[in-house]
Amino acid sequence: MTVPHPEEEFRAFLAEGRFMLQRSVSTGEYVYYPRVAAPGSGAADLEWVEASGLGTVHAVTIVRRKPPEPDYNVVLVDLQEGPRLMSRLADCANEEIIIGAAVKARIDDVEGQKLFVFIPA
């Protein structure tokens, strides 16, 4: 029996419309990016749990592109569960993004691939 790699499992959850995180059973620590063992502790008892999807903008960068291509944002979001991750903020003008703003995850179809983005909460 072939065991899927954690990243493959994560992408399969996204394809189902589910935003999942790994959590160590022994430490309770949440983990992102998907992996086979928790960083720091090395705990290999990671289980998949539904993420709240709630977070706070920690940092933002606006990527300037040569016209006519639109500029886009890259945000670091601190999830309510603890991990910090990189994504983008949709449904919000780049100049209106505020560090410390509450956001919520949403799964979008981007060029045929399911990805999570954040929207203002």
Foldseek 3Di string as FASTA:
>chain_A
DDDDFQQVVQQVCLVVFFHKWKAAPVPRATDPPGHQAHPPVRRRRIDIDGFQQKWFFADKDWADDDPPDDIFMKTWTQGPRGDIDIAGEPPDPPVPDDGGFMWGWGWDQDPNGTDIHIYGD
